[in-house]
PDB file of N, CA and C in Angstrom:
ATOM      1  N   MET A   1       0.849  -1.179   0.000  1.00  0.00           N
ATOM      2  CA  MET A   1       0.000   0.000   0.000  1.00  0.00           C
ATOM      3  C   MET A   1       0.891   1.237   0.000  1.00  0.00           C
ATOM      4  N   ILE A   2       0.381   2.288  -0.614  1.00  0.00           N
ATOM      5  CA  ILE A   2       1.122   3.549  -0.710  1.00  0.00           C
ATOM      6  C   ILE A   2       0.349   4.616   0.053  1.00  0.00           C
ATOM      7  N   GLY A   3       1.058   5.398   0.848  1.00  0.00           N
ATOM      8  CA  GLY A   3       0.426   6.480   1.587  1.00  0.00           C
ATOM      9  C   GLY A   3       1.336   7.690   1.648  1.00  0.00           C
ATOM     10  N   ASP A   4       0.877   8.737   2.298  1.00  0.00           N
ATOM     11  CA  ASP A   4       1.717   9.911   2.482  1.00  0.00           C
ATOM     12  C   ASP A   4       2.110  10.024   3.945  1.00  0.00           C
ATOM     13  N   GLU A   5       2.698  11.165   4.300  1.00  0.00           N
ATOM     14  CA  GLU A   5       3.223  11.319   5.661  1.00  0.00           C
ATOM     15  C   GLU A   5       2.144  11.334   6.730  1.00  0.00           C
ATOM     16  N   ASP A   6       0.895  11.499   6.339  1.00  0.00           N
ATOM     17  CA  ASP A   6      -0.197  11.524   7.313  1.00  0.00           C
ATOM     18  C   ASP A   6      -0.469  10.145   7.910  1.00  0.00           C
ATOM     19  N   PHE A   7      -0.068   9.093   7.197  1.00  0.00           N
ATOM     20  CA  PHE A   7      -0.297   7.731   7.668  1.00  0.00           C
ATOM     21  C   PHE A   7       0.824   7.307   8.606  1.00  0.00           C
ATOM     22  N   GLY A   8       0.470   6.517   9.597  1.00  0.00           N
ATOM     23  CA  GLY A   8       1.466   5.982  10.502  1.00  0.00           C
ATOM     24  C   GLY A   8       2.338   4.948   9.798  1.00  0.00           C
ATOM     25  N   LEU A   9       3.548   4.796  10.237  1.00  0.00           N
ATOM     26  CA  LEU A   9       4.476   3.856   9.621  1.00  0.00           C
ATOM     27  C   LEU A   9       4.089   2.424  10.010  1.00  0.00           C
ATOM     28  N   LYS A  10       3.799   1.615   9.015  1.00  0.00           N
ATOM     29  CA  LYS A  10       3.404   0.218   9.199  1.00  0.00           C
ATOM     30  C   LYS A  10       4.241  -0.651   8.275  1.00  0.00           C
ATOM     31  N   PRO A  11       4.407  -1.949   8.582  1.00  0.00           N
ATOM     32  CA  PRO A  11       5.225  -2.822   7.723  1.00  0.00           C
ATOM     33  C   PRO A  11       4.650  -2.998   6.321  1.00  0.00           C
ATOM     34  N   TYR A  12       3.348  -2.851   6.147  1.00  0.00           N
ATOM     35  CA  TYR A  12       2.706  -3.066   4.851  1.00  0.00           C
ATOM     36  C   TYR A  12       2.526  -1.766   4.065  1.00  0.00           C
ATOM     37  N   LEU A  13       3.005  -0.640   4.568  1.00  0.00           N
ATOM     38  CA  LEU A  13       2.751   0.662   3.967  1.00  0.00           C
ATOM     39  C   LEU A  13       4.046   1.304   3.479  1.00  0.00           C
ATOM     40  N   MET A  14       4.040   1.755   2.224  1.00  0.00           N
ATOM     41  CA  MET A  14       5.156   2.539   1.699  1.00  0.00           C
ATOM     42  C   MET A  14       4.751   4.004   1.793  1.00  0.00           C
ATOM     43  N   ARG A  15       5.583   4.787   2.428  1.00  0.00           N
ATOM     44  CA  ARG A  15       5.296   6.217   2.509  1.00  0.00           C
ATOM     45  C   ARG A  15       6.588   6.990   2.364  1.00  0.00           C
ATOM     46  N   GLN A  16       6.468   8.271   2.113  1.00  0.00           N
ATOM     47  CA  GLN A  16       7.631   9.105   1.880  1.00  0.00           C
ATOM     48  C   GLN A  16       8.434   9.309   3.157  1.00  0.00           C
ATOM     49  N   PHE A  17       9.736   9.579   2.952  1.00  0.00           N
ATOM     50  CA  PHE A  17      10.567  10.008   4.071  1.00  0.00           C
ATOM     51  C   PHE A  17      10.171  11.433   4.414  1.00  0.00           C
ATOM     52  N   PRO A  18      10.259  11.812   5.687  1.00  0.00           N
ATOM     53  CA  PRO A  18       9.959  13.196   6.055  1.00  0.00           C
ATOM     54  C   PRO A  18      10.873  14.163   5.297  1.00  0.00           C
ATOM     55  N   TYR A  19      10.377  15.342   5.030  1.00  0.00           N
ATOM     56  CA  TYR A  19      11.109  16.330   4.237  1.00  0.00           C
ATOM     57  C   TYR A  19      12.494  16.621   4.802  1.00  0.00           C
ATOM     58  N   ARG A  20      12.600  16.760   6.108  1.00  0.00           N
ATOM     59  CA  ARG A  20      13.895  17.086   6.718  1.00  0.00           C
ATOM     60  C   ARG A  20      14.922  15.990   6.505  1.00  0.00           C
ATOM     61  N   GLN A  21      14.487  14.731   6.476  1.00  0.00           N
ATOM     62  CA  GLN A  21      15.417  13.623   6.219  1.00  0.00           C
ATOM     63  C   GLN A  21      15.812  13.562   4.752  1.00  0.00           C
ATOM     64  N   SER A  22      14.870  13.768   3.885  1.00  0.00           N
ATOM     65  CA  SER A  22      15.118  13.553   2.463  1.00  0.00           C
ATOM     66  C   SER A  22      15.935  14.663   1.819  1.00  0.00           C
ATOM     67  N   ARG A  23      15.860  15.878   2.326  1.00  0.00           N
ATOM     68  CA  ARG A  23      16.585  16.967   1.660  1.00  0.00           C
ATOM     69  C   ARG A  23      18.094  16.850   1.833  1.00  0.00           C
ATOM     70  N   SER A  24      18.544  16.095   2.822  1.00  0.00           N
ATOM     71  CA  SER A  24      19.986  15.934   3.015  1.00  0.00           C
ATOM     72  C   SER A  24      20.516  14.610   2.459  1.00  0.00           C
ATOM     73  N   ASP A  25      19.638  13.751   1.948  1.00  0.00           N
ATOM     74  CA  ASP A  25      20.042  12.452   1.420  1.00  0.00           C
ATOM     75  C   ASP A  25      19.440  12.268   0.022  1.00  0.00           C
ATOM     76  N   GLU A  26      20.319  12.230  -0.982  1.00  0.00           N
ATOM     77  CA  GLU A  26      19.845  12.173  -2.366  1.00  0.00           C
ATOM     78  C   GLU A  26      19.069  10.896  -2.673  1.00  0.00           C
ATOM     79  N   SER A  27      19.461   9.770  -2.086  1.00  0.00           N
ATOM     80  CA  SER A  27      18.750   8.515  -2.359  1.00  0.00           C
ATOM     81  C   SER A  27      17.331   8.550  -1.777  1.00  0.00           C
ATOM     82  N   LYS A  28      17.174   9.168  -0.609  1.00  0.00           N
ATOM     83  CA  LYS A  28      15.835   9.300  -0.026  1.00  0.00           C
ATOM     84  C   LYS A  28      14.973  10.248  -0.853  1.00  0.00           C
ATOM     85  N   GLU A  29      15.577  11.278  -1.403  1.00  0.00           N
ATOM     86  CA  GLU A  29      14.838  12.222  -2.241  1.00  0.00           C
ATOM     87  C   GLU A  29      14.370  11.534  -3.527  1.00  0.00           C
ATOM     88  N   LYS A  30      15.207  10.712  -4.133  1.00  0.00           N
ATOM     89  CA  LYS A  30      14.822   9.965  -5.334  1.00  0.00           C
ATOM     90  C   LYS A  30      13.686   8.993  -5.015  1.00  0.00           C
ATOM     91  N   TYR A  31      13.759   8.335  -3.862  1.00  0.00           N
ATOM     92  CA  TYR A  31      12.687   7.430  -3.424  1.00  0.00           C
ATOM     93  C   TYR A  31      11.377   8.198  -3.295  1.00  0.00           C
ATOM     94  N   ASN A  32      11.432   9.378  -2.660  1.00  0.00           N
ATOM     95  CA  ASN A  32      10.221  10.185  -2.479  1.00  0.00           C
ATOM     96  C   ASN A  32       9.617  10.600  -3.821  1.00  0.00           C
ATOM     97  N   VAL A  33      10.463  10.979  -4.772  1.00  0.00           N
ATOM     98  CA  VAL A  33       9.970  11.399  -6.085  1.00  0.00           C
ATOM     99  C   VAL A  33       9.288  10.226  -6.786  1.00  0.00           C
ATOM    100  N   GLY A  34       9.908   9.045  -6.761  1.00  0.00           N
ATOM    101  CA  GLY A  34       9.321   7.866  -7.390  1.00  0.00           C
ATOM    102  C   GLY A  34       8.018   7.455  -6.744  1.00  0.00           C
ATOM    103  N   LEU A  35       7.978   7.479  -5.427  1.00  0.00           N
ATOM    104  CA  LEU A  35       6.771   7.096  -4.700  1.00  0.00           C
ATOM    105  C   LEU A  35       5.650   8.103  -4.947  1.00  0.00           C
ATOM    106  N   CYS A  36       5.991   9.371  -5.043  1.00  0.00           N
ATOM    107  CA  CYS A  36       4.991  10.403  -5.334  1.00  0.00           C
ATOM    108  C   CYS A  36       4.376  10.159  -6.711  1.00  0.00           C
ATOM    109  N   GLY A  37       5.186   9.780  -7.676  1.00  0.00           N
ATOM    110  CA  GLY A  37       4.677   9.470  -9.009  1.00  0.00           C
ATOM    111  C   GLY A  37       3.736   8.281  -8.995  1.00  0.00           C
ATOM    112  N   ALA A  38       4.107   7.249  -8.245  1.00  0.00           N
ATOM    113  CA  ALA A  38       3.255   6.057  -8.145  1.00  0.00           C
ATOM    114  C   ALA A  38       1.928   6.401  -7.465  1.00  0.00           C
ATOM    115  N   ARG A  39       1.988   7.209  -6.432  1.00  0.00           N
ATOM    116  CA  ARG A  39       0.768   7.597  -5.718  1.00  0.00           C
ATOM    117  C   ARG A  39      -0.152   8.417  -6.613  1.00  0.00           C
ATOM    118  N   ARG A  40       0.435   9.265  -7.442  1.00  0.00           N
ATOM    119  CA  ARG A  40      -0.358  10.080  -8.362  1.00  0.00           C
ATOM    120  C   ARG A  40      -1.096   9.200  -9.370  1.00  0.00           C
ATOM    121  N   VAL A  41      -0.430   8.161  -9.875  1.00  0.00           N
ATOM    122  CA  VAL A  41      -1.078   7.247 -10.820  1.00  0.00           C
ATOM    123  C   VAL A  41      -2.271   6.559 -10.159  1.00  0.00           C
ATOM    124  N   VAL A  42      -2.083   6.095  -8.933  1.00  0.00           N
ATOM    125  CA  VAL A  42      -3.174   5.423  -8.215  1.00  0.00           C
ATOM    126  C   VAL A  42      -4.332   6.380  -7.976  1.00  0.00           C
ATOM    127  N   GLU A  43      -4.035   7.604  -7.557  1.00  0.00           N
ATOM    128  CA  GLU A  43      -5.104   8.581  -7.298  1.00  0.00           C
ATOM    129  C   GLU A  43      -5.850   8.940  -8.579  1.00  0.00           C
ATOM    130  N   ASN A  44      -5.139   9.089  -9.689  1.00  0.00           N
ATOM    131  CA  ASN A  44      -5.798   9.386 -10.959  1.00  0.00           C
ATOM    132  C   ASN A  44      -6.694   8.234 -11.399  1.00  0.00           C
ATOM    133  N   THR A  45      -6.196   7.011 -11.256  1.00  0.00           N
ATOM    134  CA  THR A  45      -6.972   5.834 -11.623  1.00  0.00           C
ATOM    135  C   THR A  45      -8.237   5.738 -10.778  1.00  0.00           C
ATOM    136  N   PHE A  46      -8.104   5.983  -9.499  1.00  0.00           N
ATOM    137  CA  PHE A  46      -9.269   5.934  -8.625  1.00  0.00           C
ATOM    138  C   PHE A  46     -10.264   7.034  -8.984  1.00  0.00           C
ATOM    139  N   GLY A  47      -9.766   8.189  -9.401  1.00  0.00           N
ATOM    140  CA  GLY A  47     -10.640   9.265  -9.836  1.00  0.00           C
ATOM    141  C   GLY A  47     -11.446   8.881 -11.068  1.00  0.00           C
ATOM    142  N   ILE A  48     -10.811   8.166 -11.997  1.00  0.00           N
ATOM    143  CA  ILE A  48     -11.514   7.685 -13.189  1.00  0.00           C
ATOM    144  C   ILE A  48     -12.616   6.707 -12.790  1.00  0.00           C
ATOM    145  N   LEU A  49     -12.299   5.786 -11.894  1.00  0.00           N
ATOM    146  CA  LEU A  49     -13.308   4.828 -11.429  1.00  0.00           C
ATOM    147  C   LEU A  49     -14.459   5.535 -10.728  1.00  0.00           C
ATOM    148  N   ALA A  50     -14.147   6.538  -9.929  1.00  0.00           N
ATOM    149  CA  ALA A  50     -15.191   7.254  -9.194  1.00  0.00           C
ATOM    150  C   ALA A  50     -16.114   8.012 -10.139  1.00  0.00           C
ATOM    151  N   GLN A  51     -15.587   8.472 -11.277  1.00  0.00           N
ATOM    152  CA  GLN A  51     -16.438   9.162 -12.252  1.00  0.00           C
ATOM    153  C   GLN A  51     -17.442   8.210 -12.892  1.00  0.00           C
ATOM    154  N   LYS A  52     -17.036   6.960 -13.094  1.00  0.00           N
ATOM    155  CA  LYS A  52     -17.933   5.978 -13.716  1.00  0.00           C
ATOM    156  C   LYS A  52     -18.911   5.387 -12.714  1.00  0.00           C
ATOM    157  N   TRP A  53     -18.437   5.057 -11.530  1.00  0.00           N
ATOM    158  CA  TRP A  53     -19.262   4.395 -10.519  1.00  0.00           C
ATOM    159  C   TRP A  53     -19.266   5.229  -9.253  1.00  0.00           C
ATOM    160  N   ARG A  54     -20.389   5.822  -8.992  1.00  0.00           N
ATOM    161  CA  ARG A  54     -20.535   6.773  -7.885  1.00  0.00           C
ATOM    162  C   ARG A  54     -20.393   6.150  -6.503  1.00  0.00           C
ATOM    163  N   ILE A  55     -20.343   4.839  -6.441  1.00  0.00           N
ATOM    164  CA  ILE A  55     -20.195   4.178  -5.138  1.00  0.00           C
ATOM    165  C   ILE A  55     -18.899   4.601  -4.448  1.00  0.00           C
ATOM    166  N   PHE A  56     -17.915   5.034  -5.246  1.00  0.00           N
ATOM    167  CA  PHE A  56     -16.623   5.407  -4.683  1.00  0.00           C
ATOM    168  C   PHE A  56     -16.600   6.818  -4.112  1.00  0.00           C
ATOM    169  N   TYR A  57     -17.700   7.561  -4.220  1.00  0.00           N
ATOM    170  CA  TYR A  57     -17.761   8.891  -3.630  1.00  0.00           C
ATOM    171  C   TYR A  57     -18.090   8.866  -2.141  1.00  0.00           C
ATOM    172  N   ARG A  58     -18.489   7.730  -1.642  1.00  0.00           N
ATOM    173  CA  ARG A  58     -18.766   7.615  -0.202  1.00  0.00           C
ATOM    174  C   ARG A  58     -17.918   6.489   0.364  1.00  0.00           C
ATOM    175  N   SER A  59     -17.831   6.436   1.652  1.00  0.00           N
ATOM    176  CA  SER A  59     -17.019   5.381   2.250  1.00  0.00           C
ATOM    177  C   SER A  59     -17.739   4.035   2.131  1.00  0.00           C
ATOM    178  N   ILE A  60     -16.959   3.011   1.900  1.00  0.00           N
ATOM    179  CA  ILE A  60     -17.496   1.661   1.761  1.00  0.00           C
ATOM    180  C   ILE A  60     -16.963   0.860   2.945  1.00  0.00           C
ATOM    181  N   LYS A  61     -17.831   0.450   3.793  1.00  0.00           N
ATOM    182  CA  LYS A  61     -17.396  -0.310   4.969  1.00  0.00           C
ATOM    183  C   LYS A  61     -18.081  -1.664   4.972  1.00  0.00           C
ATOM    184  N   THR A  62     -17.690  -2.471   4.010  1.00  0.00           N
ATOM    185  CA  THR A  62     -18.254  -3.813   3.922  1.00  0.00           C
ATOM    186  C   THR A  62     -17.120  -4.818   3.773  1.00  0.00           C
ATOM    187  N   LYS A  63     -17.462  -6.070   3.901  1.00  0.00           N
ATOM    188  CA  LYS A  63     -16.466  -7.120   3.727  1.00  0.00           C
ATOM    189  C   LYS A  63     -16.122  -7.324   2.261  1.00  0.00           C
ATOM    190  N   THR A  64     -16.931  -6.745   1.364  1.00  0.00           N
ATOM    191  CA  THR A  64     -16.736  -6.947  -0.068  1.00  0.00           C
ATOM    192  C   THR A  64     -16.042  -5.764  -0.753  1.00  0.00           C
ATOM    193  N   THR A  65     -15.395  -4.908   0.007  1.00  0.00           N
ATOM    194  CA  THR A  65     -14.761  -3.722  -0.556  1.00  0.00           C
ATOM    195  C   THR A  65     -13.754  -4.078  -1.647  1.00  0.00           C
ATOM    196  N   ILE A  66     -12.891  -5.036  -1.382  1.00  0.00           N
ATOM    197  CA  ILE A  66     -11.875  -5.427  -2.367  1.00  0.00           C
ATOM    198  C   ILE A  66     -12.545  -5.982  -3.614  1.00  0.00           C
ATOM    199  N   LEU A  67     -13.585  -6.777  -3.442  1.00  0.00           N
ATOM    200  CA  LEU A  67     -14.310  -7.327  -4.582  1.00  0.00           C
ATOM    201  C   LEU A  67     -14.971  -6.216  -5.405  1.00  0.00           C
ATOM    202  N   ILE A  68     -15.514  -5.207  -4.750  1.00  0.00           N
ATOM    203  CA  ILE A  68     -16.136  -4.083  -5.453  1.00  0.00           C
ATOM    204  C   ILE A  68     -15.097  -3.342  -6.294  1.00  0.00           C
ATOM    205  N   ILE A  69     -13.932  -3.089  -5.731  1.00  0.00           N
ATOM    206  CA  ILE A  69     -12.877  -2.372  -6.453  1.00  0.00           C
ATOM    207  C   ILE A  69     -12.372  -3.200  -7.632  1.00  0.00           C
ATOM    208  N   LYS A  70     -12.133  -4.482  -7.423  1.00  0.00           N
ATOM    209  CA  LYS A  70     -11.664  -5.347  -8.514  1.00  0.00           C
ATOM    210  C   LYS A  70     -12.705  -5.430  -9.630  1.00  0.00           C
ATOM    211  N   THR A  71     -13.967  -5.550  -9.256  1.00  0.00           N
ATOM    212  CA  THR A  71     -15.036  -5.628 -10.245  1.00  0.00           C
ATOM    213  C   THR A  71     -15.127  -4.340 -11.053  1.00  0.00           C
ATOM    214  N   ALA A  72     -15.004  -3.198 -10.400  1.00  0.00           N
ATOM    215  CA  ALA A  72     -15.050  -1.913 -11.103  1.00  0.00           C
ATOM    216  C   ALA A  72     -13.884  -1.813 -12.093  1.00  0.00           C
ATOM    217  N   CYS A  73     -12.708  -2.285 -11.701  1.00  0.00           N
ATOM    218  CA  CYS A  73     -11.552  -2.254 -12.605  1.00  0.00           C
ATOM    219  C   CYS A  73     -11.788  -3.139 -13.820  1.00  0.00           C
ATOM    220  N   VAL A  74     -12.308  -4.339 -13.596  1.00  0.00           N
ATOM    221  CA  VAL A  74     -12.581  -5.260 -14.713  1.00  0.00           C
ATOM    222  C   VAL A  74     -13.642  -4.669 -15.645  1.00  0.00           C
ATOM    223  N   LEU A  75     -14.709  -4.126 -15.090  1.00  0.00           N
ATOM    224  CA  LEU A  75     -15.758  -3.518 -15.910  1.00  0.00           C
ATOM    225  C   LEU A  75     -15.227  -2.325 -16.699  1.00  0.00           C
ATOM    226  N   HIS A  76     -14.418  -1.506 -16.056  1.00  0.00           N
ATOM    227  CA  HIS A  76     -13.823  -0.355 -16.741  1.00  0.00           C
ATOM    228  C   HIS A  76     -12.982  -0.815 -17.927  1.00  0.00           C
ATOM    229  N   ASN A  77     -12.114  -1.809 -17.705  1.00  0.00           N
ATOM    230  CA  ASN A  77     -11.260  -2.306 -18.781  1.00  0.00           C
ATOM    231  C   ASN A  77     -12.085  -2.942 -19.896  1.00  0.00           C
ATOM    232  N   PHE A  78     -13.141  -3.660 -19.543  1.00  0.00           N
ATOM    233  CA  PHE A  78     -14.009  -4.269 -20.530  1.00  0.00           C
ATOM    234  C   PHE A  78     -14.674  -3.195 -21.395  1.00  0.00           C
ATOM    235  N   LEU A  79     -15.238  -2.171 -20.753  1.00  0.00           N
ATOM    236  CA  LEU A  79     -15.892  -1.098 -21.494  1.00  0.00           C
ATOM    237  C   LEU A  79     -14.894  -0.315 -22.347  1.00  0.00           C
ATOM    238  N   TRP A  80     -13.694  -0.133 -21.841  1.00  0.00           N
ATOM    239  CA  TRP A  80     -12.664   0.601 -22.563  1.00  0.00           C
ATOM    240  C   TRP A  80     -12.235  -0.144 -23.825  1.00  0.00           C
ATOM    241  N   THR A  81     -12.081  -1.469 -23.743  1.00  0.00           N
ATOM    242  CA  THR A  81     -11.685  -2.238 -24.921  1.00  0.00           C
ATOM    243  C   THR A  81     -12.831  -2.323 -25.932  1.00  0.00           C
ATOM    244  N   LYS A  82     -14.077  -2.264 -25.486  1.00  0.00           N
ATOM    245  CA  LYS A  82     -15.218  -2.280 -26.398  1.00  0.00           C
ATOM    246  C   LYS A  82     -15.324  -0.978 -27.193  1.00  0.00           C
ATOM    247  N   LYS A  83     -14.817   0.137 -26.649  1.00  0.00           N
ATOM    248  CA  LYS A  83     -14.864   1.416 -27.346  1.00  0.00           C
ATOM    249  C   LYS A  83     -13.947   1.427 -28.561  1.00  0.00           C
ATOM    250  N   LYS A  84     -12.861   0.684 -28.516  1.00  0.00           N
ATOM    251  CA  LYS A  84     -11.863   0.708 -29.595  1.00  0.00           C
ATOM    252  C   LYS A  84     -12.367   0.131 -30.847  1.00  0.00           C
TER     253      LYS A  84
END
């Protein structure tokens, strides 16, 4: 999972190094830039899904959340290939 500095540090979460750490270490700064790019792709993709299926505009607190997201991705890809 990808998050920003607002999320607590967890073993399953990739997040940026704090600004003060990264500005003095070039490798940490490169990591932050790459992770920011990956996070932007995920946010844009989720925005596209939310435009098609309004269920993503509210919080989903069910046991089927992962199934709903996977299904929306499959439907989106199916509809996208049919347009071509």
